[in-house]
Amino acid sequence: MASPPPLHSGGPSSVAPSAPAPPEKDESMATAEQLLLDLCIPELREETLKLLSQNREKFQQDIAPLLWHSFGTMSALLLEIVSIYGSVARATLTQAQSNHVCNALALLQCVASHPDTKMPFINAQIPLYLYPFLSTAYKAKEYEFLRLTSLGVIGALVKVDDHEVIAYLLSSQIIPLCLLTMDIGSEISKTVATFIVQKIMLDDTGLMYVCTTRECFLAVSNVLAQMLDALVEQPSPRLLKHIIRCYLRLTDNPSARDALRTCLPTVLTDGTFNDLLETQKDQTTRLWLHQMLHNIAMASSGRRGPHGPHADLNRIMGR
């Protein structure tokens, strides 16, 4: 058997040059670990937060467990968050402060969305640190950025159906905070807040919470109606989709369904949004609207006649 050709340290060789070696598999892990170490150094924290936030999806390994289990990391993030409470309360928040804390919140969203760290995140009551940003009514963009990024963390918690998550959020009074955003927030923050309320109501406990008292039901239905009125002038297909899904879910509760017979906004019954839904080719939302109107019609003896409840529904849906 012939021996392999000798390797030469220099000079010409008949052996073809090899391709560059691939990066080590744990290179990104090492980078992430170094950044997490830097995060605990106050002088490096601001730039490190920015780098981690911008590159959190590029690391080969999940960054959420690293963030949660690394010594001092979560404490450092929470310190940055609580450091601006005073500025938020005094309405002296700067855009630089807002951007800085939003980078920290983006990392918390990673932890909230990971299956291995979500429940420890909740058990440690971390979401409560975000509530001061959701309870402010200031509309300036620096406050809106904080509001939206905080909602992103809560949205990550509810994205996957989990009864324990819903129970925790209900006990921590997230519904009133979402309703405030749905009232005063930008289109995108309204959309995220409405999505959160939708996901909460899709859980039976959440639906019961909203429908048990007249006050809570009216608070939710009034805000949904106000947003619909605003959508007539400034349409938003995404927001409309979540609003209609909320109304559809409300019709699963007999008391709420009965109440909607008299308080359902007319823009949902007169075809106001037909053109928008047709333009977007959003068959799902059209079906939700049709089903919601059908549920209400079936609960109303006034809609039952020789032609059945679908006669008016076909007219409303433009069919």
C-alpha atoms as a PDB file:
ATOM      1  CA  MET A   1       0.000   0.000   0.000  1.00  0.00           C
ATOM      2  CA  ALA A   2       1.487   3.300  -1.083  1.00  0.00           C
ATOM      3  CA  SER A   3       2.206   5.793   1.650  1.00  0.00           C
ATOM      4  CA  PRO A   4       0.570   9.255   1.414  1.00  0.00           C
ATOM      5  CA  PRO A   5       2.642  12.079  -0.052  1.00  0.00           C
ATOM      6  CA  PRO A   6       4.625  14.045   2.507  1.00  0.00           C
ATOM      7  CA  LEU A   7       3.264  17.411   3.675  1.00  0.00           C
ATOM      8  CA  HIS A   8       5.571  20.365   3.021  1.00  0.00           C
ATOM      9  CA  SER A   9       5.744  23.410   5.208  1.00  0.00           C
ATOM     10  CA  GLY A  10       6.475  25.661   2.236  1.00  0.00           C
ATOM     11  CA  GLY A  11       7.227  25.829  -1.478  1.00  0.00           C
ATOM     12  CA  PRO A  12       5.249  24.447  -4.380  1.00  0.00           C
ATOM     13  CA  SER A  13       3.232  21.294  -3.901  1.00  0.00           C
ATOM     14  CA  SER A  14       1.181  19.077  -6.133  1.00  0.00           C
ATOM     15  CA  VAL A  15      -1.414  18.763  -3.403  1.00  0.00           C
ATOM     16  CA  ALA A  16      -4.468  21.020  -4.054  1.00  0.00           C
ATOM     17  CA  PRO A  17      -5.103  23.621  -1.352  1.00  0.00           C
ATOM     18  CA  SER A  18      -7.844  22.654   1.048  1.00  0.00           C
ATOM     19  CA  ALA A  19     -10.989  24.713   1.549  1.00  0.00           C
ATOM     20  CA  PRO A  20     -11.079  27.069   4.536  1.00  0.00           C
ATOM     21  CA  ALA A  21     -12.013  25.268   7.693  1.00  0.00           C
ATOM     22  CA  PRO A  22     -15.614  25.912   8.790  1.00  0.00           C
ATOM     23  CA  PRO A  23     -16.040  27.973  11.928  1.00  0.00           C
ATOM     24  CA  GLU A  24     -16.182  26.091  15.136  1.00  0.00           C
ATOM     25  CA  LYS A  25     -19.708  25.023  16.039  1.00  0.00           C
ATOM     26  CA  ASP A  26     -19.481  26.688  19.402  1.00  0.00           C
ATOM     27  CA  GLU A  27     -18.084  29.981  18.044  1.00  0.00           C
ATOM     28  CA  SER A  28     -21.399  31.787  18.343  1.00  0.00           C
ATOM     29  CA  MET A  29     -21.895  30.282  21.789  1.00  0.00           C
ATOM     30  CA  ALA A  30     -18.536  31.654  22.875  1.00  0.00           C
ATOM     31  CA  THR A  31     -19.452  35.047  21.458  1.00  0.00           C
ATOM     32  CA  ALA A  32     -22.772  35.057  23.280  1.00  0.00           C
ATOM     33  CA  GLU A  33     -21.146  34.006  26.533  1.00  0.00           C
ATOM     34  CA  GLN A  34     -18.587  36.785  26.242  1.00  0.00           C
ATOM     35  CA  LEU A  35     -21.305  39.339  25.592  1.00  0.00           C
ATOM     36  CA  LEU A  36     -23.208  38.132  28.621  1.00  0.00           C
ATOM     37  CA  LEU A  37     -20.076  38.579  30.721  1.00  0.00           C
ATOM     38  CA  ASP A  38     -19.703  42.095  29.320  1.00  0.00           C
ATOM     39  CA  LEU A  39     -23.337  42.786  30.189  1.00  0.00           C
ATOM     40  CA  CYS A  40     -22.461  42.590  33.875  1.00  0.00           C
ATOM     41  CA  ILE A  41     -19.855  45.348  33.489  1.00  0.00           C
ATOM     42  CA  PRO A  42     -21.641  48.709  33.824  1.00  0.00           C
ATOM     43  CA  GLU A  43     -19.229  50.520  31.509  1.00  0.00           C
ATOM     44  CA  LEU A  44     -19.839  47.995  28.715  1.00  0.00           C
ATOM     45  CA  ARG A  45     -23.533  47.381  29.292  1.00  0.00           C
ATOM     46  CA  GLU A  46     -25.065  49.901  26.902  1.00  0.00           C
ATOM     47  CA  GLU A  47     -23.108  48.781  23.850  1.00  0.00           C
ATOM     48  CA  THR A  48     -23.419  45.124  24.851  1.00  0.00           C
ATOM     49  CA  LEU A  49     -27.201  45.400  25.123  1.00  0.00           C
ATOM     50  CA  LYS A  50     -27.308  46.878  21.647  1.00  0.00           C
ATOM     51  CA  LEU A  51     -25.147  44.101  20.194  1.00  0.00           C
ATOM     52  CA  LEU A  52     -27.104  41.333  21.913  1.00  0.00           C
ATOM     53  CA  SER A  53     -30.423  42.767  20.826  1.00  0.00           C
ATOM     54  CA  GLN A  54     -29.339  43.206  17.218  1.00  0.00           C
ATOM     55  CA  ASN A  55     -27.774  39.742  16.934  1.00  0.00           C
ATOM     56  CA  ARG A  56     -29.978  37.622  19.190  1.00  0.00           C
ATOM     57  CA  GLU A  57     -31.301  35.598  16.241  1.00  0.00           C
ATOM     58  CA  LYS A  58     -27.866  34.964  14.744  1.00  0.00           C
ATOM     59  CA  PHE A  59     -26.479  32.843  17.531  1.00  0.00           C
ATOM     60  CA  GLN A  60     -26.484  29.161  16.661  1.00  0.00           C
ATOM     61  CA  GLN A  61     -27.481  28.163  20.176  1.00  0.00           C
ATOM     62  CA  ASP A  62     -30.631  29.379  21.899  1.00  0.00           C
ATOM     63  CA  ILE A  63     -29.766  32.541  23.731  1.00  0.00           C
ATOM     64  CA  ALA A  64     -32.738  32.359  26.126  1.00  0.00           C
ATOM     65  CA  PRO A  65     -31.274  29.656  28.427  1.00  0.00           C
ATOM     66  CA  LEU A  66     -27.978  31.534  28.462  1.00  0.00           C
ATOM     67  CA  LEU A  67     -29.708  34.745  29.465  1.00  0.00           C
ATOM     68  CA  TRP A  68     -31.704  33.039  32.185  1.00  0.00           C
ATOM     69  CA  HIS A  69     -29.002  30.850  33.715  1.00  0.00           C
ATOM     70  CA  SER A  70     -25.959  33.127  33.398  1.00  0.00           C
ATOM     71  CA  PHE A  71     -25.001  34.612  36.744  1.00  0.00           C
ATOM     72  CA  GLY A  72     -26.128  38.242  37.119  1.00  0.00           C
ATOM     73  CA  THR A  73     -27.553  38.604  33.598  1.00  0.00           C
ATOM     74  CA  MET A  74     -31.249  38.890  34.459  1.00  0.00           C
ATOM     75  CA  SER A  75     -30.403  41.205  37.343  1.00  0.00           C
ATOM     76  CA  ALA A  76     -28.491  43.458  34.966  1.00  0.00           C
ATOM     77  CA  LEU A  77     -31.460  43.602  32.579  1.00  0.00           C
ATOM     78  CA  LEU A  78     -33.887  44.402  35.375  1.00  0.00           C
ATOM     79  CA  LEU A  79     -31.599  47.118  36.707  1.00  0.00           C
ATOM     80  CA  GLU A  80     -31.704  48.828  33.340  1.00  0.00           C
ATOM     81  CA  ILE A  81     -35.489  48.597  33.262  1.00  0.00           C
ATOM     82  CA  VAL A  82     -36.142  49.989  36.749  1.00  0.00           C
ATOM     83  CA  SER A  83     -33.566  52.749  36.248  1.00  0.00           C
ATOM     84  CA  ILE A  84     -35.976  54.708  34.025  1.00  0.00           C
ATOM     85  CA  TYR A  85     -39.110  54.367  36.157  1.00  0.00           C
ATOM     86  CA  GLY A  86     -38.570  57.863  37.519  1.00  0.00           C
ATOM     87  CA  SER A  87     -38.170  59.361  34.048  1.00  0.00           C
ATOM     88  CA  VAL A  88     -41.307  57.602  32.853  1.00  0.00           C
ATOM     89  CA  ALA A  89     -43.328  58.876  35.822  1.00  0.00           C
ATOM     90  CA  ARG A  90     -42.010  62.455  35.501  1.00  0.00           C
ATOM     91  CA  ALA A  91     -42.511  62.527  31.702  1.00  0.00           C
ATOM     92  CA  THR A  92     -38.812  63.267  31.210  1.00  0.00           C
ATOM     93  CA  LEU A  93     -37.971  60.091  29.297  1.00  0.00           C
ATOM     94  CA  THR A  94     -35.504  60.626  26.447  1.00  0.00           C
ATOM     95  CA  GLN A  95     -35.326  58.718  23.183  1.00  0.00           C
ATOM     96  CA  ALA A  96     -31.873  57.411  24.126  1.00  0.00           C
ATOM     97  CA  GLN A  97     -33.233  55.997  27.400  1.00  0.00           C
ATOM     98  CA  SER A  98     -36.157  54.440  25.581  1.00  0.00           C
ATOM     99  CA  ASN A  99     -33.942  52.807  22.943  1.00  0.00           C
ATOM    100  CA  HIS A 100     -31.586  51.475  25.598  1.00  0.00           C
ATOM    101  CA  VAL A 101     -34.332  49.840  27.659  1.00  0.00           C
ATOM    102  CA  CYS A 102     -36.043  48.514  24.535  1.00  0.00           C
ATOM    103  CA  ASN A 103     -32.842  46.560  23.846  1.00  0.00           C
ATOM    104  CA  ALA A 104     -33.158  44.997  27.298  1.00  0.00           C
ATOM    105  CA  LEU A 105     -36.842  44.250  26.707  1.00  0.00           C
ATOM    106  CA  ALA A 106     -35.999  42.547  23.417  1.00  0.00           C
ATOM    107  CA  LEU A 107     -33.798  40.119  25.324  1.00  0.00           C
ATOM    108  CA  LEU A 108     -36.583  39.486  27.819  1.00  0.00           C
ATOM    109  CA  GLN A 109     -38.796  38.599  24.875  1.00  0.00           C
ATOM    110  CA  CYS A 110     -36.320  35.851  23.971  1.00  0.00           C
ATOM    111  CA  VAL A 111     -36.659  34.425  27.458  1.00  0.00           C
ATOM    112  CA  ALA A 112     -40.465  34.742  27.425  1.00  0.00           C
ATOM    113  CA  SER A 113     -40.791  32.891  24.120  1.00  0.00           C
ATOM    114  CA  HIS A 114     -38.522  29.927  24.919  1.00  0.00           C
ATOM    115  CA  PRO A 115     -40.297  26.798  26.236  1.00  0.00           C
ATOM    116  CA  ASP A 116     -37.580  26.072  28.791  1.00  0.00           C
ATOM    117  CA  THR A 117     -37.514  29.553  30.314  1.00  0.00           C
ATOM    118  CA  LYS A 118     -41.100  30.802  29.917  1.00  0.00           C
ATOM    119  CA  MET A 119     -42.512  29.399  33.147  1.00  0.00           C
ATOM    120  CA  PRO A 120     -39.460  30.288  35.278  1.00  0.00           C
ATOM    121  CA  PHE A 121     -39.783  33.779  33.782  1.00  0.00           C
ATOM    122  CA  ILE A 122     -43.398  33.942  34.951  1.00  0.00           C
ATOM    123  CA  ASN A 123     -42.751  32.342  38.338  1.00  0.00           C
ATOM    124  CA  ALA A 124     -40.153  35.028  38.992  1.00  0.00           C
ATOM    125  CA  GLN A 125     -42.841  37.684  38.318  1.00  0.00           C
ATOM    126  CA  ILE A 126     -40.668  39.328  35.637  1.00  0.00           C
ATOM    127  CA  PRO A 127     -43.668  40.604  33.590  1.00  0.00           C
ATOM    128  CA  LEU A 128     -44.612  42.916  36.471  1.00  0.00           C
ATOM    129  CA  TYR A 129     -41.484  44.958  35.777  1.00  0.00           C
ATOM    130  CA  LEU A 130     -42.980  45.877  32.385  1.00  0.00           C
ATOM    131  CA  TYR A 131     -46.359  47.051  33.656  1.00  0.00           C
ATOM    132  CA  PRO A 132     -45.254  50.632  34.492  1.00  0.00           C
ATOM    133  CA  PHE A 133     -44.517  51.077  30.765  1.00  0.00           C
ATOM    134  CA  LEU A 134     -47.993  49.803  29.867  1.00  0.00           C
ATOM    135  CA  SER A 135     -49.799  51.924  32.447  1.00  0.00           C
ATOM    136  CA  THR A 136     -48.603  55.280  31.132  1.00  0.00           C
ATOM    137  CA  ALA A 137     -50.900  57.257  28.827  1.00  0.00           C
ATOM    138  CA  TYR A 138     -48.167  59.368  27.225  1.00  0.00           C
ATOM    139  CA  LYS A 139     -48.262  59.136  23.444  1.00  0.00           C
ATOM    140  CA  ALA A 140     -44.803  60.463  22.536  1.00  0.00           C
ATOM    141  CA  LYS A 141     -42.749  58.065  20.437  1.00  0.00           C
ATOM    142  CA  GLU A 142     -40.256  57.255  23.183  1.00  0.00           C
ATOM    143  CA  TYR A 143     -43.139  56.021  25.371  1.00  0.00           C
ATOM    144  CA  GLU A 144     -44.757  54.252  22.438  1.00  0.00           C
ATOM    145  CA  PHE A 145     -41.527  52.326  21.754  1.00  0.00           C
ATOM    146  CA  LEU A 146     -41.461  51.149  25.371  1.00  0.00           C
ATOM    147  CA  ARG A 147     -45.149  50.262  25.228  1.00  0.00           C
ATOM    148  CA  LEU A 148     -44.815  48.275  22.020  1.00  0.00           C
ATOM    149  CA  THR A 149     -41.680  46.382  23.073  1.00  0.00           C
ATOM    150  CA  SER A 150     -43.240  45.521  26.444  1.00  0.00           C
ATOM    151  CA  LEU A 151     -46.328  44.221  24.664  1.00  0.00           C
ATOM    152  CA  GLY A 152     -43.997  42.118  22.527  1.00  0.00           C
ATOM    153  CA  VAL A 153     -42.818  40.331  25.670  1.00  0.00           C
ATOM    154  CA  ILE A 154     -46.402  39.625  26.788  1.00  0.00           C
ATOM    155  CA  GLY A 155     -47.315  38.598  23.250  1.00  0.00           C
ATOM    156  CA  ALA A 156     -44.476  36.072  23.276  1.00  0.00           C
ATOM    157  CA  LEU A 157     -45.922  34.552  26.450  1.00  0.00           C
ATOM    158  CA  VAL A 158     -49.405  34.048  24.975  1.00  0.00           C
ATOM    159  CA  LYS A 159     -48.384  33.055  21.458  1.00  0.00           C
ATOM    160  CA  VAL A 160     -48.424  29.383  22.416  1.00  0.00           C
ATOM    161  CA  ASP A 161     -51.631  28.368  24.189  1.00  0.00           C
ATOM    162  CA  ASP A 162     -50.854  27.736  27.846  1.00  0.00           C
ATOM    163  CA  HIS A 163     -53.503  27.872  30.569  1.00  0.00           C
ATOM    164  CA  GLU A 164     -50.921  28.599  33.287  1.00  0.00           C
ATOM    165  CA  VAL A 165     -49.706  31.652  31.393  1.00  0.00           C
ATOM    166  CA  ILE A 166     -53.253  32.949  30.926  1.00  0.00           C
ATOM    167  CA  ALA A 167     -54.089  32.401  34.591  1.00  0.00           C
ATOM    168  CA  TYR A 168     -51.004  34.343  35.633  1.00  0.00           C
ATOM    169  CA  LEU A 169     -51.697  37.259  33.305  1.00  0.00           C
ATOM    170  CA  LEU A 170     -55.306  37.490  34.471  1.00  0.00           C
ATOM    171  CA  SER A 171     -54.217  37.484  38.112  1.00  0.00           C
ATOM    172  CA  SER A 172     -51.730  40.280  37.381  1.00  0.00           C
ATOM    173  CA  GLN A 173     -54.451  42.444  35.777  1.00  0.00           C
ATOM    174  CA  ILE A 174     -53.068  42.556  32.239  1.00  0.00           C
ATOM    175  CA  ILE A 175     -56.507  43.114  30.648  1.00  0.00           C
ATOM    176  CA  PRO A 176     -56.909  46.746  31.844  1.00  0.00           C
ATOM    177  CA  LEU A 177     -53.373  47.531  30.651  1.00  0.00           C
ATOM    178  CA  CYS A 178     -54.110  46.092  27.222  1.00  0.00           C
ATOM    179  CA  LEU A 179     -57.365  48.048  27.041  1.00  0.00           C
ATOM    180  CA  LEU A 180     -55.455  51.256  27.772  1.00  0.00           C
ATOM    181  CA  THR A 181     -53.113  50.566  24.862  1.00  0.00           C
ATOM    182  CA  MET A 182     -56.058  49.653  22.631  1.00  0.00           C
ATOM    183  CA  ASP A 183     -57.452  53.078  23.477  1.00  0.00           C
ATOM    184  CA  ILE A 184     -54.417  55.359  23.162  1.00  0.00           C
ATOM    185  CA  GLY A 185     -51.681  53.397  21.375  1.00  0.00           C
ATOM    186  CA  SER A 186     -50.438  53.461  17.793  1.00  0.00           C
ATOM    187  CA  GLU A 187     -51.908  51.108  15.209  1.00  0.00           C
ATOM    188  CA  ILE A 188     -49.233  48.478  15.739  1.00  0.00           C
ATOM    189  CA  SER A 189     -49.398  48.591  19.544  1.00  0.00           C
ATOM    190  CA  LYS A 190     -53.215  48.430  19.363  1.00  0.00           C
ATOM    191  CA  THR A 191     -52.825  45.365  17.150  1.00  0.00           C
ATOM    192  CA  VAL A 192     -50.478  43.575  19.570  1.00  0.00           C
ATOM    193  CA  ALA A 193     -52.616  44.475  22.590  1.00  0.00           C
ATOM    194  CA  THR A 194     -55.765  43.225  20.832  1.00  0.00           C
ATOM    195  CA  PHE A 195     -53.948  40.008  19.898  1.00  0.00           C
ATOM    196  CA  ILE A 196     -53.089  39.485  23.571  1.00  0.00           C
ATOM    197  CA  VAL A 197     -56.711  40.032  24.636  1.00  0.00           C
ATOM    198  CA  GLN A 198     -57.821  37.670  21.872  1.00  0.00           C
ATOM    199  CA  LYS A 199     -55.448  34.930  23.034  1.00  0.00           C
ATOM    200  CA  ILE A 200     -56.554  35.393  26.637  1.00  0.00           C
ATOM    201  CA  MET A 201     -60.241  35.126  25.701  1.00  0.00           C
ATOM    202  CA  LEU A 202     -59.607  31.986  23.639  1.00  0.00           C
ATOM    203  CA  ASP A 203     -58.831  30.328  26.965  1.00  0.00           C
ATOM    204  CA  ASP A 204     -62.045  29.441  28.806  1.00  0.00           C
ATOM    205  CA  THR A 205     -60.804  31.113  31.972  1.00  0.00           C
ATOM    206  CA  GLY A 206     -60.064  34.284  30.044  1.00  0.00           C
ATOM    207  CA  LEU A 207     -63.500  34.354  28.425  1.00  0.00           C
ATOM    208  CA  MET A 208     -65.141  33.841  31.797  1.00  0.00           C
ATOM    209  CA  TYR A 209     -63.051  36.672  33.262  1.00  0.00           C
ATOM    210  CA  VAL A 210     -64.227  39.107  30.585  1.00  0.00           C
ATOM    211  CA  CYS A 211     -67.878  38.040  30.678  1.00  0.00           C
ATOM    212  CA  THR A 212     -68.482  37.456  34.394  1.00  0.00           C
ATOM    213  CA  THR A 213     -69.147  41.106  35.281  1.00  0.00           C
ATOM    214  CA  ARG A 214     -71.016  43.733  33.327  1.00  0.00           C
ATOM    215  CA  GLU A 215     -68.249  46.261  33.972  1.00  0.00           C
ATOM    216  CA  CYS A 216     -65.504  44.109  32.456  1.00  0.00           C
ATOM    217  CA  PHE A 217     -67.592  43.131  29.440  1.00  0.00           C
ATOM    218  CA  LEU A 218     -68.505  46.757  28.736  1.00  0.00           C
ATOM    219  CA  ALA A 219     -64.890  47.859  29.136  1.00  0.00           C
ATOM    220  CA  VAL A 220     -63.781  45.344  26.510  1.00  0.00           C
ATOM    221  CA  SER A 221     -66.699  45.820  24.114  1.00  0.00           C
ATOM    222  CA  ASN A 222     -66.526  49.629  24.300  1.00  0.00           C
ATOM    223  CA  VAL A 223     -62.816  49.686  23.404  1.00  0.00           C
ATOM    224  CA  LEU A 224     -63.388  47.237  20.541  1.00  0.00           C
ATOM    225  CA  ALA A 225     -66.197  49.477  19.255  1.00  0.00           C
ATOM    226  CA  GLN A 226     -64.024  52.593  19.485  1.00  0.00           C
ATOM    227  CA  MET A 227     -61.271  50.926  17.482  1.00  0.00           C
ATOM    228  CA  LEU A 228     -63.779  49.889  14.823  1.00  0.00           C
ATOM    229  CA  ASP A 229     -64.984  53.462  14.485  1.00  0.00           C
ATOM    230  CA  ALA A 230     -61.379  54.611  13.996  1.00  0.00           C
ATOM    231  CA  LEU A 231     -60.783  51.924  11.363  1.00  0.00           C
ATOM    232  CA  VAL A 232     -63.496  53.458   9.168  1.00  0.00           C
ATOM    233  CA  GLU A 233     -61.201  56.457   8.616  1.00  0.00           C
ATOM    234  CA  GLN A 234     -57.844  54.686   8.917  1.00  0.00           C
ATOM    235  CA  PRO A 235     -58.234  51.040   7.847  1.00  0.00           C
ATOM    236  CA  SER A 236     -55.927  48.371   9.242  1.00  0.00           C
ATOM    237  CA  PRO A 237     -56.616  44.818   8.020  1.00  0.00           C
ATOM    238  CA  ARG A 238     -54.462  43.269  10.752  1.00  0.00           C
ATOM    239  CA  LEU A 239     -56.210  45.112  13.551  1.00  0.00           C
ATOM    240  CA  LEU A 240     -59.647  44.451  12.065  1.00  0.00           C
ATOM    241  CA  LYS A 241     -58.875  40.722  11.950  1.00  0.00           C
ATOM    242  CA  HIS A 242     -58.089  40.577  15.671  1.00  0.00           C
ATOM    243  CA  ILE A 243     -61.104  42.721  16.615  1.00  0.00           C
ATOM    244  CA  ILE A 244     -63.492  40.467  14.714  1.00  0.00           C
ATOM    245  CA  ARG A 245     -61.920  37.379  16.284  1.00  0.00           C
ATOM    246  CA  CYS A 246     -62.510  38.913  19.717  1.00  0.00           C
ATOM    247  CA  TYR A 247     -66.173  39.527  18.892  1.00  0.00           C
ATOM    248  CA  LEU A 248     -66.545  36.001  17.574  1.00  0.00           C
ATOM    249  CA  ARG A 249     -65.112  34.572  20.775  1.00  0.00           C
ATOM    250  CA  LEU A 250     -67.477  36.732  22.861  1.00  0.00           C
ATOM    251  CA  THR A 251     -70.421  35.066  21.127  1.00  0.00           C
ATOM    252  CA  ASP A 252     -69.346  31.772  22.700  1.00  0.00           C
ATOM    253  CA  ASN A 253     -70.585  33.136  26.025  1.00  0.00           C
ATOM    254  CA  PRO A 254     -74.422  33.224  26.279  1.00  0.00           C
ATOM    255  CA  SER A 255     -74.548  36.433  28.318  1.00  0.00           C
ATOM    256  CA  ALA A 256     -72.122  38.254  26.044  1.00  0.00           C
ATOM    257  CA  ARG A 257     -73.893  36.975  22.942  1.00  0.00           C
ATOM    258  CA  ASP A 258     -77.197  38.265  24.246  1.00  0.00           C
ATOM    259  CA  ALA A 259     -75.656  41.661  25.070  1.00  0.00           C
ATOM    260  CA  LEU A 260     -74.135  41.958  21.600  1.00  0.00           C
ATOM    261  CA  ARG A 261     -77.619  41.817  20.090  1.00  0.00           C
ATOM    262  CA  THR A 262     -78.028  45.426  21.218  1.00  0.00           C
ATOM    263  CA  CYS A 263     -74.471  46.788  21.460  1.00  0.00           C
ATOM    264  CA  LEU A 264     -72.779  45.338  18.372  1.00  0.00           C
ATOM    265  CA  PRO A 265     -71.356  48.227  16.297  1.00  0.00           C
ATOM    266  CA  THR A 266     -73.343  48.866  13.121  1.00  0.00           C
ATOM    267  CA  VAL A 267     -70.137  48.933  11.049  1.00  0.00           C
ATOM    268  CA  LEU A 268     -70.042  45.159  11.497  1.00  0.00           C
ATOM    269  CA  THR A 269     -73.600  44.707  10.287  1.00  0.00           C
ATOM    270  CA  ASP A 270     -73.883  47.172   7.386  1.00  0.00           C
ATOM    271  CA  GLY A 271     -71.049  45.920   5.188  1.00  0.00           C
ATOM    272  CA  THR A 272     -68.696  48.827   5.967  1.00  0.00           C
ATOM    273  CA  PHE A 273     -65.608  46.608   5.812  1.00  0.00           C
ATOM    274  CA  ASN A 274     -66.658  44.406   2.902  1.00  0.00           C
ATOM    275  CA  ASP A 275     -64.434  46.220   0.393  1.00  0.00           C
ATOM    276  CA  LEU A 276     -61.430  46.107   2.723  1.00  0.00           C
ATOM    277  CA  LEU A 277     -61.813  42.377   3.317  1.00  0.00           C
ATOM    278  CA  GLU A 278     -62.351  41.771  -0.388  1.00  0.00           C
ATOM    279  CA  THR A 279     -59.256  43.789  -1.322  1.00  0.00           C
ATOM    280  CA  GLN A 280     -57.144  41.877   1.185  1.00  0.00           C
ATOM    281  CA  LYS A 281     -58.653  38.556   0.017  1.00  0.00           C
ATOM    282  CA  ASP A 282     -58.970  37.715   3.703  1.00  0.00           C
ATOM    283  CA  GLN A 283     -61.372  34.815   3.600  1.00  0.00           C
ATOM    284  CA  THR A 284     -60.605  33.824   7.182  1.00  0.00           C
ATOM    285  CA  THR A 285     -61.740  37.146   8.619  1.00  0.00           C
ATOM    286  CA  ARG A 286     -64.830  37.121   6.389  1.00  0.00           C
ATOM    287  CA  LEU A 287     -65.751  33.695   7.717  1.00  0.00           C
ATOM    288  CA  TRP A 288     -65.192  34.850  11.299  1.00  0.00           C
ATOM    289  CA  LEU A 289     -67.458  37.838  10.720  1.00  0.00           C
ATOM    290  CA  HIS A 290     -70.091  35.646   9.088  1.00  0.00           C
ATOM    291  CA  GLN A 291     -69.970  33.150  11.968  1.00  0.00           C
ATOM    292  CA  MET A 292     -70.145  35.900  14.593  1.00  0.00           C
ATOM    293  CA  LEU A 293     -73.207  37.468  12.968  1.00  0.00           C
ATOM    294  CA  HIS A 294     -74.754  34.027  12.597  1.00  0.00           C
ATOM    295  CA  ASN A 295     -74.235  33.279  16.303  1.00  0.00           C
ATOM    296  CA  ILE A 296     -75.899  36.540  17.301  1.00  0.00           C
ATOM    297  CA  ALA A 297     -78.725  36.010  14.814  1.00  0.00           C
ATOM    298  CA  MET A 298     -79.441  32.541  16.138  1.00  0.00           C
ATOM    299  CA  ALA A 299     -79.733  33.973  19.655  1.00  0.00           C
ATOM    300  CA  SER A 300     -82.241  36.576  18.503  1.00  0.00           C
ATOM    301  CA  SER A 301     -85.778  35.423  17.821  1.00  0.00           C
ATOM    302  CA  GLY A 302     -86.247  38.504  15.654  1.00  0.00           C
ATOM    303  CA  ARG A 303     -83.838  37.119  13.055  1.00  0.00           C
ATOM    304  CA  ARG A 304     -85.625  33.795  12.728  1.00  0.00           C
ATOM    305  CA  GLY A 305     -88.150  33.683   9.967  1.00  0.00           C
ATOM    306  CA  PRO A 306     -89.306  31.611   7.013  1.00  0.00           C
ATOM    307  CA  HIS A 307     -86.007  32.250   5.261  1.00  0.00           C
ATOM    308  CA  GLY A 308     -83.843  31.442   8.294  1.00  0.00           C
ATOM    309  CA  PRO A 309     -81.109  33.628   9.862  1.00  0.00           C
ATOM    310  CA  HIS A 310     -78.893  33.510   6.787  1.00  0.00           C
ATOM    311  CA  ALA A 311     -81.076  35.829   4.700  1.00  0.00           C
ATOM    312  CA  ASP A 312     -79.854  38.956   6.495  1.00  0.00           C
ATOM    313  CA  LEU A 313     -76.325  37.578   6.835  1.00  0.00           C
ATOM    314  CA  ASN A 314     -76.005  37.115   3.072  1.00  0.00           C
ATOM    315  CA  ARG A 315     -77.082  40.704   2.553  1.00  0.00           C
ATOM    316  CA  ILE A 316     -74.626  41.981   5.182  1.00  0.00           C
ATOM    317  CA  MET A 317     -71.742  40.021   3.684  1.00  0.00           C
ATOM    318  CA  GLY A 318     -72.566  41.283   0.195  1.00  0.00           C
ATOM    319  CA  ARG A 319     -73.662  37.878  -1.142  1.00  0.00           C
END
